PDB file of all heavy atoms in Angstrom:
ATOM      1  N   TYR A   1      -0.236  -9.746 -17.863  1.00  0.00           N
ATOM      2  CA  TYR A   1       0.015 -10.463 -19.116  1.00  0.00           C
ATOM      3  C   TYR A   1       0.911 -11.671 -18.868  1.00  0.00           C
ATOM      4  O   TYR A   1       0.809 -12.686 -19.550  1.00  0.00           O
ATOM      5  CB  TYR A   1       0.655  -9.503 -20.114  1.00  0.00           C
ATOM      6  CG  TYR A   1       0.811 -10.059 -21.514  1.00  0.00           C
ATOM      7  CD1 TYR A   1      -0.258 -10.041 -22.401  1.00  0.00           C
ATOM      8  CD2 TYR A   1       2.029 -10.583 -21.954  1.00  0.00           C
ATOM      9  CE1 TYR A   1      -0.125 -10.534 -23.692  1.00  0.00           C
ATOM     10  CE2 TYR A   1       2.166 -11.080 -23.238  1.00  0.00           C
ATOM     11  CZ  TYR A   1       1.097 -11.056 -24.100  1.00  0.00           C
ATOM     12  OH  TYR A   1       1.235 -11.552 -25.376  1.00  0.00           O
ATOM     13  N   GLN A   2       1.792 -11.558 -17.864  1.00  0.00           N
ATOM     14  CA  GLN A   2       2.708 -12.651 -17.553  1.00  0.00           C
ATOM     15  C   GLN A   2       2.131 -13.637 -16.545  1.00  0.00           C
ATOM     16  O   GLN A   2       2.648 -14.751 -16.405  1.00  0.00           O
ATOM     17  CB  GLN A   2       4.023 -12.085 -16.998  1.00  0.00           C
ATOM     18  CG  GLN A   2       4.744 -11.154 -17.963  1.00  0.00           C
ATOM     19  CD  GLN A   2       6.028 -10.613 -17.382  1.00  0.00           C
ATOM     20  OE1 GLN A   2       6.924 -11.373 -17.008  1.00  0.00           O
ATOM     21  NE2 GLN A   2       6.137  -9.294 -17.290  1.00  0.00           N
ATOM     22  N   PHE A   3       1.083 -13.226 -15.841  1.00  0.00           N
ATOM     23  CA  PHE A   3       0.425 -14.096 -14.859  1.00  0.00           C
ATOM     24  C   PHE A   3      -1.068 -14.145 -15.169  1.00  0.00           C
ATOM     25  O   PHE A   3      -1.888 -13.620 -14.409  1.00  0.00           O
ATOM     26  CB  PHE A   3       0.666 -13.580 -13.440  1.00  0.00           C
ATOM     27  CG  PHE A   3       2.112 -13.536 -13.036  1.00  0.00           C
ATOM     28  CD1 PHE A   3       2.854 -12.375 -13.211  1.00  0.00           C
ATOM     29  CD2 PHE A   3       2.735 -14.648 -12.496  1.00  0.00           C
ATOM     30  CE1 PHE A   3       4.192 -12.327 -12.840  1.00  0.00           C
ATOM     31  CE2 PHE A   3       4.074 -14.616 -12.129  1.00  0.00           C
ATOM     32  CZ  PHE A   3       4.802 -13.457 -12.305  1.00  0.00           C
ATOM     33  N   PRO A   4      -1.447 -14.762 -16.290  1.00  0.00           N
ATOM     34  CA  PRO A   4      -2.845 -14.746 -16.713  1.00  0.00           C
ATOM     35  C   PRO A   4      -3.728 -15.647 -15.840  1.00  0.00           C
ATOM     36  O   PRO A   4      -3.233 -16.436 -15.028  1.00  0.00           O
ATOM     37  CB  PRO A   4      -2.774 -15.261 -18.147  1.00  0.00           C
ATOM     38  CG  PRO A   4      -1.576 -16.168 -18.153  1.00  0.00           C
ATOM     39  CD  PRO A   4      -0.582 -15.527 -17.213  1.00  0.00           C
ATOM     40  N   HIS A   5      -5.011 -15.499 -16.021  1.00  0.00           N
ATOM     41  CA  HIS A   5      -6.015 -16.363 -15.396  1.00  0.00           C
ATOM     42  C   HIS A   5      -6.079 -16.213 -13.882  1.00  0.00           C
ATOM     43  O   HIS A   5      -6.543 -17.121 -13.186  1.00  0.00           O
ATOM     44  CB  HIS A   5      -5.783 -17.832 -15.761  1.00  0.00           C
ATOM     45  CG  HIS A   5      -5.552 -18.070 -17.210  1.00  0.00           C
ATOM     46  ND1 HIS A   5      -6.445 -17.681 -18.190  1.00  0.00           N
ATOM     47  CD2 HIS A   5      -4.507 -18.646 -17.871  1.00  0.00           C
ATOM     48  CE1 HIS A   5      -5.974 -18.009 -19.384  1.00  0.00           C
ATOM     49  NE2 HIS A   5      -4.794 -18.580 -19.221  1.00  0.00           N
ATOM     50  N   GLN A   6      -5.609 -15.093 -13.360  1.00  0.00           N
ATOM     51  CA  GLN A   6      -5.782 -14.809 -11.945  1.00  0.00           C
ATOM     52  C   GLN A   6      -5.781 -13.291 -11.762  1.00  0.00           C
ATOM     53  O   GLN A   6      -5.081 -12.570 -12.469  1.00  0.00           O
ATOM     54  CB  GLN A   6      -4.688 -15.455 -11.101  1.00  0.00           C
ATOM     55  CG  GLN A   6      -3.270 -15.036 -11.436  1.00  0.00           C
ATOM     56  CD  GLN A   6      -2.241 -15.722 -10.542  1.00  0.00           C
ATOM     57  OE1 GLN A   6      -2.432 -15.844  -9.341  1.00  0.00           O
ATOM     58  NE2 GLN A   6      -1.155 -16.189 -11.143  1.00  0.00           N
ATOM     59  N   PRO A   7      -6.584 -12.806 -10.825  1.00  0.00           N
ATOM     60  CA  PRO A   7      -6.607 -11.354 -10.598  1.00  0.00           C
ATOM     61  C   PRO A   7      -5.368 -10.898  -9.845  1.00  0.00           C
ATOM     62  O   PRO A   7      -4.687 -11.688  -9.190  1.00  0.00           O
ATOM     63  CB  PRO A   7      -7.864 -11.168  -9.740  1.00  0.00           C
ATOM     64  CG  PRO A   7      -7.970 -12.453  -8.980  1.00  0.00           C
ATOM     65  CD  PRO A   7      -7.514 -13.523  -9.941  1.00  0.00           C
ATOM     66  N   ILE A   8      -5.090  -9.628  -9.959  1.00  0.00           N
ATOM     67  CA  ILE A   8      -4.070  -9.011  -9.124  1.00  0.00           C
ATOM     68  C   ILE A   8      -4.761  -8.483  -7.872  1.00  0.00           C
ATOM     69  O   ILE A   8      -5.743  -7.745  -7.962  1.00  0.00           O
ATOM     70  CB  ILE A   8      -3.362  -7.871  -9.871  1.00  0.00           C
ATOM     71  CG1 ILE A   8      -2.514  -8.432 -11.016  1.00  0.00           C
ATOM     72  CG2 ILE A   8      -2.483  -7.056  -8.914  1.00  0.00           C
ATOM     73  CD1 ILE A   8      -1.841  -7.373 -11.865  1.00  0.00           C
ATOM     74  N   GLU A   9      -4.276  -8.893  -6.720  1.00  0.00           N
ATOM     75  CA  GLU A   9      -4.858  -8.443  -5.455  1.00  0.00           C
ATOM     76  C   GLU A   9      -4.215  -7.118  -5.037  1.00  0.00           C
ATOM     77  O   GLU A   9      -2.993  -7.038  -4.897  1.00  0.00           O
ATOM     78  CB  GLU A   9      -4.663  -9.495  -4.367  1.00  0.00           C
ATOM     79  CG  GLU A   9      -5.450 -10.767  -4.598  1.00  0.00           C
ATOM     80  CD  GLU A   9      -5.418 -11.705  -3.410  1.00  0.00           C
ATOM     81  OE1 GLU A   9      -4.740 -11.386  -2.399  1.00  0.00           O
ATOM     82  OE2 GLU A   9      -6.073 -12.755  -3.472  1.00  0.00           O
ATOM     83  N   VAL A  10      -5.042  -6.112  -4.850  1.00  0.00           N
ATOM     84  CA  VAL A  10      -4.574  -4.794  -4.431  1.00  0.00           C
ATOM     85  C   VAL A  10      -4.606  -4.723  -2.906  1.00  0.00           C
ATOM     86  O   VAL A  10      -5.666  -4.875  -2.286  1.00  0.00           O
ATOM     87  CB  VAL A  10      -5.448  -3.680  -5.029  1.00  0.00           C
ATOM     88  CG1 VAL A  10      -5.024  -2.307  -4.492  1.00  0.00           C
ATOM     89  CG2 VAL A  10      -5.368  -3.703  -6.550  1.00  0.00           C
ATOM     90  N   VAL A  11      -3.452  -4.500  -2.303  1.00  0.00           N
ATOM     91  CA  VAL A  11      -3.345  -4.364  -0.855  1.00  0.00           C
ATOM     92  C   VAL A  11      -3.469  -2.905  -0.440  1.00  0.00           C
ATOM     93  O   VAL A  11      -4.168  -2.563   0.514  1.00  0.00           O
ATOM     94  CB  VAL A  11      -2.009  -4.952  -0.347  1.00  0.00           C
ATOM     95  CG1 VAL A  11      -1.869  -4.755   1.162  1.00  0.00           C
ATOM     96  CG2 VAL A  11      -1.905  -6.426  -0.711  1.00  0.00           C
ATOM     97  N   CYS A  12      -2.797  -2.030  -1.189  1.00  0.00           N
ATOM     98  CA  CYS A  12      -2.839  -0.592  -0.889  1.00  0.00           C
ATOM     99  C   CYS A  12      -2.593   0.181  -2.172  1.00  0.00           C
ATOM    100  O   CYS A  12      -1.628  -0.094  -2.886  1.00  0.00           O
ATOM    101  CB  CYS A  12      -1.785  -0.228   0.158  1.00  0.00           C
ATOM    102  SG  CYS A  12      -1.689   1.539   0.543  1.00  0.00           S
ATOM    103  N   GLY A  13      -3.462   1.129  -2.469  1.00  0.00           N
ATOM    104  CA  GLY A  13      -3.290   1.999  -3.626  1.00  0.00           C
ATOM    105  C   GLY A  13      -2.990   3.416  -3.173  1.00  0.00           C
ATOM    106  O   GLY A  13      -1.934   3.689  -2.616  1.00  0.00           O
ATOM    107  N   TYR A  14      -3.954   4.311  -3.387  1.00  0.00           N
ATOM    108  CA  TYR A  14      -3.778   5.690  -2.928  1.00  0.00           C
ATOM    109  C   TYR A  14      -3.727   5.729  -1.405  1.00  0.00           C
ATOM    110  O   TYR A  14      -4.438   4.986  -0.712  1.00  0.00           O
ATOM    111  CB  TYR A  14      -4.916   6.569  -3.432  1.00  0.00           C
ATOM    112  CG  TYR A  14      -4.957   7.932  -2.785  1.00  0.00           C
ATOM    113  CD1 TYR A  14      -3.906   8.830  -2.947  1.00  0.00           C
ATOM    114  CD2 TYR A  14      -6.042   8.318  -1.990  1.00  0.00           C
ATOM    115  CE1 TYR A  14      -3.932  10.081  -2.346  1.00  0.00           C
ATOM    116  CE2 TYR A  14      -6.081   9.570  -1.391  1.00  0.00           C
ATOM    117  CZ  TYR A  14      -5.020  10.440  -1.566  1.00  0.00           C
ATOM    118  OH  TYR A  14      -5.047  11.674  -0.962  1.00  0.00           O
ATOM    119  N   ARG A  15      -2.886   6.607  -0.890  1.00  0.00           N
ATOM    120  CA  ARG A  15      -2.773   6.815   0.554  1.00  0.00           C
ATOM    121  C   ARG A  15      -2.734   8.324   0.796  1.00  0.00           C
ATOM    122  O   ARG A  15      -1.853   9.008   0.274  1.00  0.00           O
ATOM    123  CB  ARG A  15      -1.508   6.144   1.081  1.00  0.00           C
ATOM    124  CG  ARG A  15      -1.381   6.096   2.599  1.00  0.00           C
ATOM    125  CD  ARG A  15      -0.011   5.568   2.993  1.00  0.00           C
ATOM    126  NE  ARG A  15       0.217   4.202   2.554  1.00  0.00           N
ATOM    127  CZ  ARG A  15       1.413   3.702   2.254  1.00  0.00           C
ATOM    128  NH1 ARG A  15       2.485   4.483   2.310  1.00  0.00           N
ATOM    129  NH2 ARG A  15       1.537   2.452   1.894  1.00  0.00           N
ATOM    130  N   SER A  16      -3.693   8.848   1.546  1.00  0.00           N
ATOM    131  CA  SER A  16      -3.729  10.286   1.805  1.00  0.00           C
ATOM    132  C   SER A  16      -2.529  10.693   2.648  1.00  0.00           C
ATOM    133  O   SER A  16      -1.947   9.872   3.364  1.00  0.00           O
ATOM    134  CB  SER A  16      -5.024  10.657   2.532  1.00  0.00           C
ATOM    135  OG  SER A  16      -5.009  10.132   3.854  1.00  0.00           O
ATOM    136  N   PRO A  17      -2.150  11.972   2.597  1.00  0.00           N
ATOM    137  CA  PRO A  17      -1.048  12.424   3.445  1.00  0.00           C
ATOM    138  C   PRO A  17      -1.291  12.146   4.921  1.00  0.00           C
ATOM    139  O   PRO A  17      -0.365  11.802   5.660  1.00  0.00           O
ATOM    140  CB  PRO A  17      -0.988  13.932   3.163  1.00  0.00           C
ATOM    141  CG  PRO A  17      -1.551  14.072   1.781  1.00  0.00           C
ATOM    142  CD  PRO A  17      -2.629  13.036   1.689  1.00  0.00           C
ATOM    143  N   GLU A  18      -2.557  12.273   5.363  1.00  0.00           N
ATOM    144  CA  GLU A  18      -2.884  12.024   6.764  1.00  0.00           C
ATOM    145  C   GLU A  18      -2.674  10.555   7.123  1.00  0.00           C
ATOM    146  O   GLU A  18      -2.100  10.238   8.179  1.00  0.00           O
ATOM    147  CB  GLU A  18      -4.335  12.432   7.045  1.00  0.00           C
ATOM    148  CG  GLU A  18      -4.624  13.904   6.901  1.00  0.00           C
ATOM    149  CD  GLU A  18      -4.778  14.371   5.460  1.00  0.00           C
ATOM    150  OE1 GLU A  18      -4.890  13.493   4.567  1.00  0.00           O
ATOM    151  OE2 GLU A  18      -4.779  15.594   5.213  1.00  0.00           O
ATOM    152  N   THR A  19      -3.130   9.659   6.253  1.00  0.00           N
ATOM    153  CA  THR A  19      -2.945   8.230   6.506  1.00  0.00           C
ATOM    154  C   THR A  19      -1.474   7.867   6.471  1.00  0.00           C
ATOM    155  O   THR A  19      -0.987   7.085   7.290  1.00  0.00           O
ATOM    156  CB  THR A  19      -3.721   7.403   5.466  1.00  0.00           C
ATOM    157  OG1 THR A  19      -5.122   7.640   5.624  1.00  0.00           O
ATOM    158  CG2 THR A  19      -3.444   5.917   5.633  1.00  0.00           C
ATOM    159  N   ASN A  20      -0.747   8.432   5.516  1.00  0.00           N
ATOM    160  CA  ASN A  20       0.681   8.141   5.412  1.00  0.00           C
ATOM    161  C   ASN A  20       1.417   8.568   6.688  1.00  0.00           C
ATOM    162  O   ASN A  20       2.265   7.834   7.218  1.00  0.00           O
ATOM    163  CB  ASN A  20       1.264   8.860   4.198  1.00  0.00           C
ATOM    164  CG  ASN A  20       2.596   8.300   3.764  1.00  0.00           C
ATOM    165  OD1 ASN A  20       2.680   7.212   3.198  1.00  0.00           O
ATOM    166  ND2 ASN A  20       3.667   9.040   4.027  1.00  0.00           N
ATOM    167  N   ALA A  21       1.075   9.763   7.199  1.00  0.00           N
ATOM    168  CA  ALA A  21       1.704  10.251   8.426  1.00  0.00           C
ATOM    169  C   ALA A  21       1.352   9.358   9.607  1.00  0.00           C
ATOM    170  O   ALA A  21       2.205   9.065  10.463  1.00  0.00           O
ATOM    171  CB  ALA A  21       1.262  11.687   8.696  1.00  0.00           C
ATOM    172  N   LEU A  22       0.107   8.894   9.659  1.00  0.00           N
ATOM    173  CA  LEU A  22      -0.318   8.012  10.748  1.00  0.00           C
ATOM    174  C   LEU A  22       0.450   6.700  10.732  1.00  0.00           C
ATOM    175  O   LEU A  22       0.904   6.217  11.783  1.00  0.00           O
ATOM    176  CB  LEU A  22      -1.825   7.739  10.633  1.00  0.00           C
ATOM    177  CG  LEU A  22      -2.417   6.776  11.671  1.00  0.00           C
ATOM    178  CD1 LEU A  22      -2.267   7.335  13.070  1.00  0.00           C
ATOM    179  CD2 LEU A  22      -3.884   6.488  11.350  1.00  0.00           C
ATOM    180  N   LEU A  23       0.620   6.124   9.550  1.00  0.00           N
ATOM    181  CA  LEU A  23       1.350   4.864   9.439  1.00  0.00           C
ATOM    182  C   LEU A  23       2.809   5.038   9.849  1.00  0.00           C
ATOM    183  O   LEU A  23       3.403   4.155  10.478  1.00  0.00           O
ATOM    184  CB  LEU A  23       1.262   4.328   8.013  1.00  0.00           C
ATOM    185  CG  LEU A  23      -0.130   3.876   7.562  1.00  0.00           C
ATOM    186  CD1 LEU A  23      -0.103   3.437   6.098  1.00  0.00           C
ATOM    187  CD2 LEU A  23      -0.648   2.738   8.435  1.00  0.00           C
ATOM    188  N   ARG A  24       3.383   6.183   9.503  1.00  0.00           N
ATOM    189  CA  ARG A  24       4.764   6.453   9.920  1.00  0.00           C
ATOM    190  C   ARG A  24       4.853   6.590  11.436  1.00  0.00           C
ATOM    191  O   ARG A  24       5.786   6.079  12.068  1.00  0.00           O
ATOM    192  CB  ARG A  24       5.284   7.718   9.241  1.00  0.00           C
ATOM    193  CG  ARG A  24       5.650   7.510   7.766  1.00  0.00           C
ATOM    194  CD  ARG A  24       6.053   8.824   7.099  1.00  0.00           C
ATOM    195  NE  ARG A  24       7.155   9.492   7.784  1.00  0.00           N
ATOM    196  CZ  ARG A  24       8.439   9.166   7.613  1.00  0.00           C
ATOM    197  NH1 ARG A  24       8.774   8.186   6.779  1.00  0.00           N
ATOM    198  NH2 ARG A  24       9.390   9.836   8.251  1.00  0.00           N
ATOM    199  N   GLU A  25       3.869   7.239  12.040  1.00  0.00           N
ATOM    200  CA  GLU A  25       3.849   7.385  13.494  1.00  0.00           C
ATOM    201  C   GLU A  25       3.713   6.028  14.182  1.00  0.00           C
ATOM    202  O   GLU A  25       4.245   5.822  15.278  1.00  0.00           O
ATOM    203  CB  GLU A  25       2.694   8.300  13.911  1.00  0.00           C
ATOM    204  CG  GLU A  25       2.896   9.770  13.545  1.00  0.00           C
ATOM    205  CD  GLU A  25       1.686  10.608  13.885  1.00  0.00           C
ATOM    206  OE1 GLU A  25       0.733  10.059  14.490  1.00  0.00           O
ATOM    207  OE2 GLU A  25       1.687  11.811  13.554  1.00  0.00           O
ATOM    208  N   GLU A  26       2.984   5.116  13.543  1.00  0.00           N
ATOM    209  CA  GLU A  26       2.782   3.788  14.117  1.00  0.00           C
ATOM    210  C   GLU A  26       3.971   2.863  13.865  1.00  0.00           C
ATOM    211  O   GLU A  26       3.966   1.715  14.301  1.00  0.00           O
ATOM    212  CB  GLU A  26       1.507   3.165  13.549  1.00  0.00           C
ATOM    213  CG  GLU A  26       0.237   3.891  13.999  1.00  0.00           C
ATOM    214  CD  GLU A  26      -1.014   3.301  13.377  1.00  0.00           C
ATOM    215  OE1 GLU A  26      -0.880   2.509  12.405  1.00  0.00           O
ATOM    216  OE2 GLU A  26      -2.117   3.636  13.844  1.00  0.00           O
ATOM    217  N   GLY A  27       4.977   3.370  13.142  1.00  0.00           N
ATOM    218  CA  GLY A  27       6.195   2.601  12.941  1.00  0.00           C
ATOM    219  C   GLY A  27       6.138   1.581  11.826  1.00  0.00           C
ATOM    220  O   GLY A  27       6.933   0.631  11.815  1.00  0.00           O
ATOM    221  N   GLU A  28       5.221   1.751  10.864  1.00  0.00           N
ATOM    222  CA  GLU A  28       5.160   0.829   9.733  1.00  0.00           C
ATOM    223  C   GLU A  28       6.456   0.913   8.927  1.00  0.00           C
ATOM    224  O   GLU A  28       6.899   1.996   8.546  1.00  0.00           O
ATOM    225  CB  GLU A  28       3.973   1.170   8.833  1.00  0.00           C
ATOM    226  CG  GLU A  28       2.614   0.832   9.422  1.00  0.00           C
ATOM    227  CD  GLU A  28       2.316  -0.650   9.376  1.00  0.00           C
ATOM    228  OE1 GLU A  28       2.969  -1.352   8.570  1.00  0.00           O
ATOM    229  OE2 GLU A  28       1.454  -1.101  10.129  1.00  0.00           O
ATOM    230  N   ARG A  29       7.050  -0.231   8.648  1.00  0.00           N
ATOM    231  CA  ARG A  29       8.311  -0.251   7.917  1.00  0.00           C
ATOM    232  C   ARG A  29       8.098   0.078   6.443  1.00  0.00           C
ATOM    233  O   ARG A  29       7.130  -0.368   5.829  1.00  0.00           O
ATOM    234  CB  ARG A  29       8.974  -1.628   8.031  1.00  0.00           C
ATOM    235  CG  ARG A  29       9.389  -2.000   9.437  1.00  0.00           C
ATOM    236  CD  ARG A  29      10.192  -3.274   9.436  1.00  0.00           C
ATOM    237  NE  ARG A  29      11.483  -3.097   8.757  1.00  0.00           N
ATOM    238  CZ  ARG A  29      12.324  -4.096   8.501  1.00  0.00           C
ATOM    239  NH1 ARG A  29      12.018  -5.335   8.839  1.00  0.00           N
ATOM    240  NH2 ARG A  29      13.476  -3.857   7.892  1.00  0.00           N
ATOM    241  N   GLY A  30       9.022   0.854   5.877  1.00  0.00           N
ATOM    242  CA  GLY A  30       8.986   1.150   4.451  1.00  0.00           C
ATOM    243  C   GLY A  30       8.014   2.235   4.045  1.00  0.00           C
ATOM    244  O   GLY A  30       7.818   2.455   2.855  1.00  0.00           O
ATOM    245  N   VAL A  31       7.378   2.923   5.008  1.00  0.00           N
ATOM    246  CA  VAL A  31       6.463   4.018   4.665  1.00  0.00           C
ATOM    247  C   VAL A  31       7.265   5.308   4.579  1.00  0.00           C
ATOM    248  O   VAL A  31       7.683   5.872   5.583  1.00  0.00           O
ATOM    249  CB  VAL A  31       5.333   4.158   5.716  1.00  0.00           C
ATOM    250  CG1 VAL A  31       4.421   5.320   5.334  1.00  0.00           C
ATOM    251  CG2 VAL A  31       4.538   2.862   5.814  1.00  0.00           C
ATOM    252  N   ALA A  32       7.495   5.777   3.365  1.00  0.00           N
ATOM    253  CA  ALA A  32       8.306   6.977   3.152  1.00  0.00           C
ATOM    254  C   ALA A  32       7.506   8.234   3.456  1.00  0.00           C
ATOM    255  O   ALA A  32       6.286   8.276   3.291  1.00  0.00           O
ATOM    256  CB  ALA A  32       8.812   7.018   1.712  1.00  0.00           C
TER     257      ALA A  32
END
């Protein structure tokens, strides 16, 4: 509503527990 006339780009939505664990193992910053 505050940024009309352009789509919101989705980078990451749902993340399975397996994917989340893999990203943590790979050292991705900010992956809780």
